[in-house]
C-alpha atoms as a PDB file:
ATOM      1  CA  LEU A   1      30.575 -48.134 -18.677  1.00  0.00           C
ATOM      2  CA  GLU A   2      34.199 -47.521 -17.781  1.00  0.00           C
ATOM      3  CA  CYS A   3      37.159 -49.819 -18.313  1.00  0.00           C
ATOM      4  CA  MET A   4      40.899 -49.559 -17.925  1.00  0.00           C
ATOM      5  CA  MET A   5      42.197 -48.161 -21.199  1.00  0.00           C
ATOM      6  CA  GLN A   6      45.020 -50.705 -21.368  1.00  0.00           C
ATOM      7  CA  ASP A   7      42.440 -53.524 -21.270  1.00  0.00           C
ATOM      8  CA  LEU A   8      40.258 -52.177 -24.052  1.00  0.00           C
ATOM      9  CA  PRO A   9      42.381 -53.285 -27.068  1.00  0.00           C
ATOM     10  CA  ARG A  10      42.479 -56.845 -25.713  1.00  0.00           C
ATOM     11  CA  LEU A  11      38.705 -57.021 -25.700  1.00  0.00           C
ATOM     12  CA  PHE A  12      38.665 -56.181 -29.399  1.00  0.00           C
ATOM     13  CA  PHE A  13      40.397 -59.424 -30.326  1.00  0.00           C
ATOM     14  CA  GLU A  14      39.462 -61.931 -27.603  1.00  0.00           C
ATOM     15  CA  SER A  15      36.149 -62.572 -29.346  1.00  0.00           C
ATOM     16  CA  GLY A  16      37.989 -63.878 -32.418  1.00  0.00           C
ATOM     17  CA  ARG A  17      36.259 -61.352 -34.639  1.00  0.00           C
ATOM     18  CA  SER A  18      37.893 -58.817 -36.885  1.00  0.00           C
ATOM     19  CA  SER A  19      38.727 -55.395 -35.490  1.00  0.00           C
ATOM     20  CA  ALA A  20      36.336 -54.043 -38.132  1.00  0.00           C
ATOM     21  CA  ASP A  21      33.494 -55.326 -35.942  1.00  0.00           C
ATOM     22  CA  HIS A  22      34.353 -52.822 -33.229  1.00  0.00           C
ATOM     23  CA  GLY A  23      34.131 -49.082 -33.011  1.00  0.00           C
ATOM     24  CA  VAL A  24      35.017 -46.219 -30.694  1.00  0.00           C
ATOM     25  CA  VAL A  25      32.903 -43.157 -30.037  1.00  0.00           C
ATOM     26  CA  LEU A  26      34.753 -39.920 -29.322  1.00  0.00           C
ATOM     27  CA  PHE A  27      33.071 -37.073 -27.461  1.00  0.00           C
ATOM     28  CA  ALA A  28      34.254 -33.540 -28.151  1.00  0.00           C
ATOM     29  CA  ASP A  29      33.242 -32.353 -24.672  1.00  0.00           C
ATOM     30  CA  ALA A  30      34.242 -34.838 -21.981  1.00  0.00           C
ATOM     31  CA  GLY A  31      32.329 -32.901 -19.327  1.00  0.00           C
ATOM     32  CA  THR A  32      29.005 -33.990 -20.805  1.00  0.00           C
ATOM     33  CA  CYS A  33      29.738 -37.698 -20.460  1.00  0.00           C
ATOM     34  CA  TYR A  34      32.744 -38.220 -18.179  1.00  0.00           C
ATOM     35  CA  SER A  35      33.181 -36.109 -15.079  1.00  0.00           C
ATOM     36  CA  PRO A  36      33.983 -38.432 -12.162  1.00  0.00           C
ATOM     37  CA  VAL A  37      34.353 -37.520  -8.508  1.00  0.00           C
ATOM     38  CA  LYS A  38      37.488 -39.471  -7.685  1.00  0.00           C
ATOM     39  CA  ASN A  39      39.765 -36.968  -5.909  1.00  0.00           C
ATOM     40  CA  ASP A  40      39.524 -35.058  -2.672  1.00  0.00           C
ATOM     41  CA  ALA A  41      40.198 -31.334  -2.657  1.00  0.00           C
ATOM     42  CA  SER A  42      43.905 -31.686  -1.908  1.00  0.00           C
ATOM     43  CA  ALA A  43      44.577 -34.173  -4.715  1.00  0.00           C
ATOM     44  CA  ALA A  44      42.348 -32.224  -7.085  1.00  0.00           C
ATOM     45  CA  ARG A  45      44.194 -28.989  -6.385  1.00  0.00           C
ATOM     46  CA  LYS A  46      47.542 -30.649  -7.109  1.00  0.00           C
ATOM     47  CA  ALA A  47      46.209 -32.170 -10.310  1.00  0.00           C
ATOM     48  CA  GLN A  48      44.803 -28.854 -11.500  1.00  0.00           C
ATOM     49  CA  THR A  49      48.119 -27.128 -10.748  1.00  0.00           C
ATOM     50  CA  ASN A  50      49.839 -29.701 -12.954  1.00  0.00           C
ATOM     51  CA  GLY A  51      47.375 -29.207 -15.794  1.00  0.00           C
ATOM     52  CA  VAL A  52      45.478 -32.443 -15.129  1.00  0.00           C
ATOM     53  CA  PRO A  53      41.647 -32.506 -14.840  1.00  0.00           C
ATOM     54  CA  PRO A  54      40.826 -32.278 -11.093  1.00  0.00           C
ATOM     55  CA  MET A  55      37.959 -34.816 -11.216  1.00  0.00           C
ATOM     56  CA  CYS A  56      36.480 -33.733  -7.899  1.00  0.00           C
ATOM     57  CA  ALA A  57      33.061 -32.785  -6.508  1.00  0.00           C
ATOM     58  CA  ALA A  58      33.370 -29.098  -7.398  1.00  0.00           C
ATOM     59  CA  THR A  59      34.292 -29.638 -11.049  1.00  0.00           C
ATOM     60  CA  ALA A  60      31.717 -32.425 -11.455  1.00  0.00           C
ATOM     61  CA  GLU A  61      28.983 -30.117 -10.225  1.00  0.00           C
ATOM     62  CA  ALA A  62      30.173 -27.406 -12.602  1.00  0.00           C
ATOM     63  CA  ASP A  63      29.998 -29.920 -15.448  1.00  0.00           C
ATOM     64  CA  VAL A  64      26.408 -30.805 -14.522  1.00  0.00           C
ATOM     65  CA  TYR A  65      25.415 -27.133 -14.701  1.00  0.00           C
ATOM     66  CA  ALA A  66      27.197 -26.766 -18.048  1.00  0.00           C
ATOM     67  CA  ALA A  67      25.740 -29.946 -19.557  1.00  0.00           C
ATOM     68  CA  HIS A  68      22.161 -29.072 -18.622  1.00  0.00           C
ATOM     69  CA  ALA A  69      22.561 -25.497 -19.804  1.00  0.00           C
ATOM     70  CA  GLY A  70      24.066 -26.837 -23.011  1.00  0.00           C
ATOM     71  CA  LEU A  71      21.007 -29.008 -23.631  1.00  0.00           C
ATOM     72  CA  LEU A  72      18.698 -25.987 -23.377  1.00  0.00           C
ATOM     73  CA  ARG A  73      21.088 -23.984 -25.551  1.00  0.00           C
ATOM     74  CA  ARG A  74      21.042 -26.737 -28.164  1.00  0.00           C
ATOM     75  CA  CYS A  75      17.252 -26.471 -28.245  1.00  0.00           C
ATOM     76  CA  GLY A  76      17.592 -22.786 -29.096  1.00  0.00           C
ATOM     77  CA  CYS A  77      17.216 -21.189 -25.663  1.00  0.00           C
ATOM     78  CA  ASP A  78      19.248 -18.117 -24.725  1.00  0.00           C
ATOM     79  CA  ILE A  79      21.237 -19.541 -21.819  1.00  0.00           C
ATOM     80  CA  ALA A  80      24.234 -17.500 -20.691  1.00  0.00           C
ATOM     81  CA  LYS A  81      27.669 -19.051 -20.966  1.00  0.00           C
ATOM     82  CA  PRO A  82      29.333 -20.141 -17.683  1.00  0.00           C
ATOM     83  CA  GLN A  83      31.018 -17.390 -15.730  1.00  0.00           C
ATOM     84  CA  ALA A  84      34.766 -17.532 -15.087  1.00  0.00           C
ATOM     85  CA  PRO A  85      35.940 -20.263 -12.675  1.00  0.00           C
ATOM     86  CA  ILE A  86      36.233 -19.275  -9.036  1.00  0.00           C
ATOM     87  CA  ALA A  87      38.267 -20.784  -6.199  1.00  0.00           C
ATOM     88  CA  THR A  88      36.422 -23.095  -3.809  1.00  0.00           C
ATOM     89  CA  ALA A  89      37.326 -23.666  -0.172  1.00  0.00           C
ATOM     90  CA  GLY A  90      39.599 -26.547  -1.206  1.00  0.00           C
ATOM     91  CA  GLY A  91      41.541 -24.327  -3.572  1.00  0.00           C
ATOM     92  CA  VAL A  92      40.131 -25.948  -6.706  1.00  0.00           C
ATOM     93  CA  GLU A  93      38.908 -23.556  -9.385  1.00  0.00           C
ATOM     94  CA  ALA A  94      35.531 -24.482 -10.888  1.00  0.00           C
ATOM     95  CA  ALA A  95      32.924 -22.732 -13.035  1.00  0.00           C
ATOM     96  CA  VAL A  96      30.239 -22.723 -10.345  1.00  0.00           C
ATOM     97  CA  ALA A  97      29.414 -19.002 -10.298  1.00  0.00           C
ATOM     98  CA  GLY A  98      26.509 -19.499 -12.700  1.00  0.00           C
ATOM     99  CA  PRO A  99      24.293 -20.037 -14.454  1.00  0.00           C
ATOM    100  CA  HIS A 100      23.169 -23.032 -12.384  1.00  0.00           C
ATOM    101  CA  VAL A 101      20.873 -25.212 -14.484  1.00  0.00           C
ATOM    102  CA  VAL A 102      19.678 -28.520 -13.027  1.00  0.00           C
ATOM    103  CA  LEU A 103      17.218 -30.637 -15.012  1.00  0.00           C
ATOM    104  CA  ASP A 104      15.467 -33.704 -13.654  1.00  0.00           C
ATOM    105  CA  PRO A 105      16.422 -36.862 -15.647  1.00  0.00           C
ATOM    106  CA  ALA A 106      12.750 -37.420 -16.530  1.00  0.00           C
ATOM    107  CA  PHE A 107      12.525 -33.887 -17.937  1.00  0.00           C
ATOM    108  CA  SER A 108      15.862 -33.919 -19.755  1.00  0.00           C
ATOM    109  CA  THR A 109      15.302 -37.314 -21.412  1.00  0.00           C
ATOM    110  CA  ALA A 110      11.866 -36.211 -22.618  1.00  0.00           C
ATOM    111  CA  LEU A 111      13.444 -33.022 -23.952  1.00  0.00           C
ATOM    112  CA  LEU A 112      16.195 -34.990 -25.704  1.00  0.00           C
ATOM    113  CA  ALA A 113      13.604 -37.230 -27.354  1.00  0.00           C
ATOM    114  CA  GLU A 114      11.709 -34.185 -28.647  1.00  0.00           C
ATOM    115  CA  LEU A 115      14.917 -32.551 -29.840  1.00  0.00           C
ATOM    116  CA  ALA A 116      15.951 -35.691 -31.728  1.00  0.00           C
ATOM    117  CA  ALA A 117      12.525 -35.854 -33.378  1.00  0.00           C
ATOM    118  CA  GLU A 118      12.688 -32.201 -34.384  1.00  0.00           C
ATOM    119  CA  GLU A 119      16.183 -32.559 -35.857  1.00  0.00           C
ATOM    120  CA  GLU A 120      15.026 -35.603 -37.826  1.00  0.00           C
ATOM    121  CA  ILE A 121      11.847 -33.991 -39.152  1.00  0.00           C
ATOM    122  CA  SER A 122      13.437 -30.577 -39.848  1.00  0.00           C
ATOM    123  CA  THR A 123      10.227 -28.831 -40.861  1.00  0.00           C
ATOM    124  CA  GLU A 124       9.253 -25.277 -39.995  1.00  0.00           C
ATOM    125  CA  ASP A 125       5.785 -26.260 -38.796  1.00  0.00           C
ATOM    126  CA  HIS A 126       7.083 -28.857 -36.304  1.00  0.00           C
ATOM    127  CA  ARG A 127       7.381 -27.508 -32.778  1.00  0.00           C
ATOM    128  CA  MET A 128       8.533 -29.136 -29.587  1.00  0.00           C
ATOM    129  CA  VAL A 129       5.920 -29.568 -26.864  1.00  0.00           C
ATOM    130  CA  ILE A 130       8.164 -28.923 -23.867  1.00  0.00           C
ATOM    131  CA  LEU A 131       9.748 -25.805 -25.400  1.00  0.00           C
ATOM    132  CA  PRO A 132       7.324 -24.574 -28.080  1.00  0.00           C
ATOM    133  CA  ASP A 133       9.398 -21.440 -28.757  1.00  0.00           C
ATOM    134  CA  PRO A 134      12.950 -21.762 -27.338  1.00  0.00           C
ATOM    135  CA  SER A 135      13.807 -18.243 -28.501  1.00  0.00           C
ATOM    136  CA  ARG A 136      11.515 -16.955 -25.731  1.00  0.00           C
ATOM    137  CA  VAL A 137      13.520 -18.691 -22.971  1.00  0.00           C
ATOM    138  CA  ARG A 138      16.364 -16.680 -21.461  1.00  0.00           C
ATOM    139  CA  VAL A 139      18.517 -17.389 -18.391  1.00  0.00           C
ATOM    140  CA  SER A 140      21.058 -14.794 -17.216  1.00  0.00           C
ATOM    141  CA  PRO A 141      24.643 -15.582 -16.118  1.00  0.00           C
ATOM    142  CA  ARG A 142      23.872 -15.354 -12.397  1.00  0.00           C
ATOM    143  CA  SER A 143      20.628 -17.329 -12.476  1.00  0.00           C
ATOM    144  CA  THR A 144      19.622 -20.678 -11.018  1.00  0.00           C
ATOM    145  CA  LEU A 145      16.986 -22.810 -12.757  1.00  0.00           C
ATOM    146  CA  VAL A 146      15.898 -26.138 -11.259  1.00  0.00           C
ATOM    147  CA  VAL A 147      13.322 -28.290 -13.059  1.00  0.00           C
ATOM    148  CA  THR A 148      11.979 -31.397 -11.308  1.00  0.00           C
ATOM    149  CA  GLY A 149       9.482 -33.819 -12.782  1.00  0.00           C
ATOM    150  CA  LYS A 150       8.591 -34.652 -16.353  1.00  0.00           C
ATOM    151  CA  ASP A 151       5.378 -32.700 -16.944  1.00  0.00           C
ATOM    152  CA  VAL A 152       6.803 -29.196 -17.281  1.00  0.00           C
ATOM    153  CA  VAL A 153       6.211 -27.009 -20.356  1.00  0.00           C
ATOM    154  CA  ILE A 154       8.016 -23.669 -20.740  1.00  0.00           C
ATOM    155  CA  GLU A 155       6.501 -21.313 -23.292  1.00  0.00           C
ATOM    156  CA  ALA A 156       8.180 -18.064 -22.227  1.00  0.00           C
ATOM    157  CA  LEU A 157      10.722 -17.425 -19.477  1.00  0.00           C
ATOM    158  CA  ASP A 158      13.059 -14.507 -18.782  1.00  0.00           C
ATOM    159  CA  LEU A 159      14.999 -15.401 -15.635  1.00  0.00           C
ATOM    160  CA  ASP A 160      17.432 -13.229 -13.715  1.00  0.00           C
ATOM    161  CA  GLY A 161      17.526 -14.873 -10.312  1.00  0.00           C
ATOM    162  CA  ALA A 162      16.424 -18.235  -8.926  1.00  0.00           C
ATOM    163  CA  LEU A 163      13.439 -20.308 -10.027  1.00  0.00           C
ATOM    164  CA  GLU A 164      12.409 -23.851  -9.119  1.00  0.00           C
ATOM    165  CA  LEU A 165       9.760 -25.672 -11.136  1.00  0.00           C
ATOM    166  CA  ASP A 166       8.808 -28.781  -9.168  1.00  0.00           C
ATOM    167  CA  ALA A 167       6.264 -31.110 -10.766  1.00  0.00           C
ATOM    168  CA  SER A 168       7.463 -34.182  -8.885  1.00  0.00           C
ATOM    169  CA  ASN A 169       4.166 -34.871  -7.108  1.00  0.00           C
ATOM    170  CA  PRO A 170       2.065 -37.634  -8.734  1.00  0.00           C
ATOM    171  CA  GLY A 171      -0.087 -36.245 -11.528  1.00  0.00           C
ATOM    172  CA  ALA A 172       1.273 -32.706 -11.096  1.00  0.00           C
ATOM    173  CA  SER A 173       2.099 -30.531 -14.106  1.00  0.00           C
ATOM    174  CA  ILE A 174       3.360 -27.000 -14.787  1.00  0.00           C
ATOM    175  CA  LEU A 175       2.840 -24.718 -17.756  1.00  0.00           C
ATOM    176  CA  VAL A 176       5.042 -21.605 -17.740  1.00  0.00           C
ATOM    177  CA  ARG A 177       2.972 -19.442 -20.055  1.00  0.00           C
ATOM    178  CA  ALA A 178       4.832 -16.183 -19.417  1.00  0.00           C
ATOM    179  CA  CYS A 179       7.369 -15.586 -16.659  1.00  0.00           C
ATOM    180  CA  THR A 180       9.655 -12.604 -16.242  1.00  0.00           C
ATOM    181  CA  LEU A 181      11.373 -13.051 -12.902  1.00  0.00           C
ATOM    182  CA  THR A 182      14.085 -11.013 -11.202  1.00  0.00           C
ATOM    183  CA  ASN A 183      15.193 -11.674  -7.641  1.00  0.00           C
ATOM    184  CA  ARG A 184      18.396 -11.853  -5.617  1.00  0.00           C
ATOM    185  CA  GLY A 185      18.837 -15.501  -6.537  1.00  0.00           C
ATOM    186  CA  ALA A 186      21.691 -17.570  -5.148  1.00  0.00           C
ATOM    187  CA  VAL A 187      25.289 -16.745  -4.281  1.00  0.00           C
ATOM    188  CA  VAL A 188      28.267 -19.081  -4.154  1.00  0.00           C
ATOM    189  CA  ARG A 189      30.113 -19.112  -0.833  1.00  0.00           C
ATOM    190  CA  PRO A 190      33.182 -21.122   0.175  1.00  0.00           C
ATOM    191  CA  ALA A 191      32.322 -24.049   2.428  1.00  0.00           C
ATOM    192  CA  THR A 192      32.983 -23.456   6.107  1.00  0.00           C
ATOM    193  CA  PRO A 193      34.603 -26.030   8.430  1.00  0.00           C
ATOM    194  CA  ASP A 194      31.294 -26.615  10.244  1.00  0.00           C
ATOM    195  CA  ALA A 195      29.254 -27.116   7.052  1.00  0.00           C
ATOM    196  CA  PRO A 196      27.608 -30.496   6.346  1.00  0.00           C
ATOM    197  CA  GLU A 197      29.977 -33.073   4.897  1.00  0.00           C
ATOM    198  CA  ALA A 198      28.441 -32.935   1.416  1.00  0.00           C
ATOM    199  CA  ILE A 199      29.110 -29.188   1.286  1.00  0.00           C
ATOM    200  CA  ARG A 200      32.651 -29.526   2.642  1.00  0.00           C
ATOM    201  CA  VAL A 201      33.508 -32.178   0.050  1.00  0.00           C
ATOM    202  CA  ARG A 202      32.187 -29.938  -2.700  1.00  0.00           C
ATOM    203  CA  GLY A 203      34.095 -26.937  -1.364  1.00  0.00           C
ATOM    204  CA  PHE A 204      31.301 -24.407  -1.831  1.00  0.00           C
ATOM    205  CA  ASP A 205      27.722 -23.737  -0.849  1.00  0.00           C
ATOM    206  CA  LEU A 206      24.951 -22.404  -3.062  1.00  0.00           C
ATOM    207  CA  ALA A 207      23.120 -20.062  -0.689  1.00  0.00           C
ATOM    208  CA  PHE A 208      19.704 -18.836  -1.815  1.00  0.00           C
ATOM    209  CA  LEU A 209      18.909 -15.221  -0.975  1.00  0.00           C
ATOM    210  CA  ASP A 210      15.663 -15.438  -2.957  1.00  0.00           C
ATOM    211  CA  LYS A 211      14.005 -18.276  -4.849  1.00  0.00           C
ATOM    212  CA  HIS A 212      10.600 -18.457  -6.491  1.00  0.00           C
ATOM    213  CA  THR A 213       9.186 -21.979  -6.247  1.00  0.00           C
ATOM    214  CA  VAL A 214       6.300 -23.418  -8.256  1.00  0.00           C
ATOM    215  CA  ARG A 215       5.158 -26.739  -6.767  1.00  0.00           C
ATOM    216  CA  PRO A 216       1.675 -28.011  -7.667  1.00  0.00           C
ATOM    217  CA  ALA A 217      -0.061 -30.459  -5.357  1.00  0.00           C
ATOM    218  CA  PRO A 218      -0.662 -34.069  -6.469  1.00  0.00           C
ATOM    219  CA  GLY A 219      -2.981 -34.069  -9.487  1.00  0.00           C
ATOM    220  CA  GLU A 220      -2.846 -30.269  -9.798  1.00  0.00           C
ATOM    221  CA  ARG A 221      -1.967 -28.342 -12.957  1.00  0.00           C
ATOM    222  CA  LEU A 222      -0.469 -24.889 -12.464  1.00  0.00           C
ATOM    223  CA  VAL A 223      -0.288 -22.260 -15.193  1.00  0.00           C
ATOM    224  CA  VAL A 224       2.417 -19.714 -14.369  1.00  0.00           C
ATOM    225  CA  GLU A 225       2.011 -16.113 -15.462  1.00  0.00           C
ATOM    226  CA  LEU A 226       4.532 -13.993 -13.598  1.00  0.00           C
ATOM    227  CA  VAL A 227       5.369 -10.606 -15.048  1.00  0.00           C
ATOM    228  CA  GLY A 228       6.772  -7.584 -13.255  1.00  0.00           C
ATOM    229  CA  GLY A 229       6.876  -9.358  -9.906  1.00  0.00           C
ATOM    230  CA  GLU A 230       3.161 -10.118  -9.800  1.00  0.00           C
ATOM    231  CA  ASP A 231       2.355 -13.814  -9.676  1.00  0.00           C
ATOM    232  CA  SER A 232      -0.969 -14.782 -11.243  1.00  0.00           C
ATOM    233  CA  SER A 233      -0.349 -18.551 -11.261  1.00  0.00           C
ATOM    234  CA  HIS A 234      -3.557 -20.547 -11.391  1.00  0.00           C
END
């Protein structure tokens, strides 16, 4: 919910109640909760030059990557910090070089619920179901990890490249029992004038040179065991 900041104080007193009945929540990292796409590349570039948040497609996408990576990091996973910002085709600098972590809302909300339960219980014998041992999950700075669907469990993952775990089909589920994957992954390229509009607005394209995809059929459960380039998923 967004409101004009000059209108907010008025709402505190129109109800006739004391100001003690109201509260304000402050977020230390605005990118995790407020990263609008409200400027085109030209306006965003000017804003960034003047030290104002650009609030454009490129920076919003970078914030999505950072927020999702931060969630896994909070769980205890070894997720590399964002690489230095790079210039997009519109001239806006954004931290889109990697890692690129995109988590389906169904997956991330389930993970948040488990994380909240673990932090509340705080016992050594309590383990999350989705990430039983977060210390065994590593994503390198140049990697891309996309998780779609709710029924995905990651026991052990060492990723240096691009991996998509897609359990979006009805009744599909994925168990990553042990996966050590290295491939060429994705590279960030400035958007070209003839690129689709969504890419031009964003100012860059994420081009996949290699990507390993795990996508079970409806009702299928896949157990992923990928070590040393040999895939024994079953």
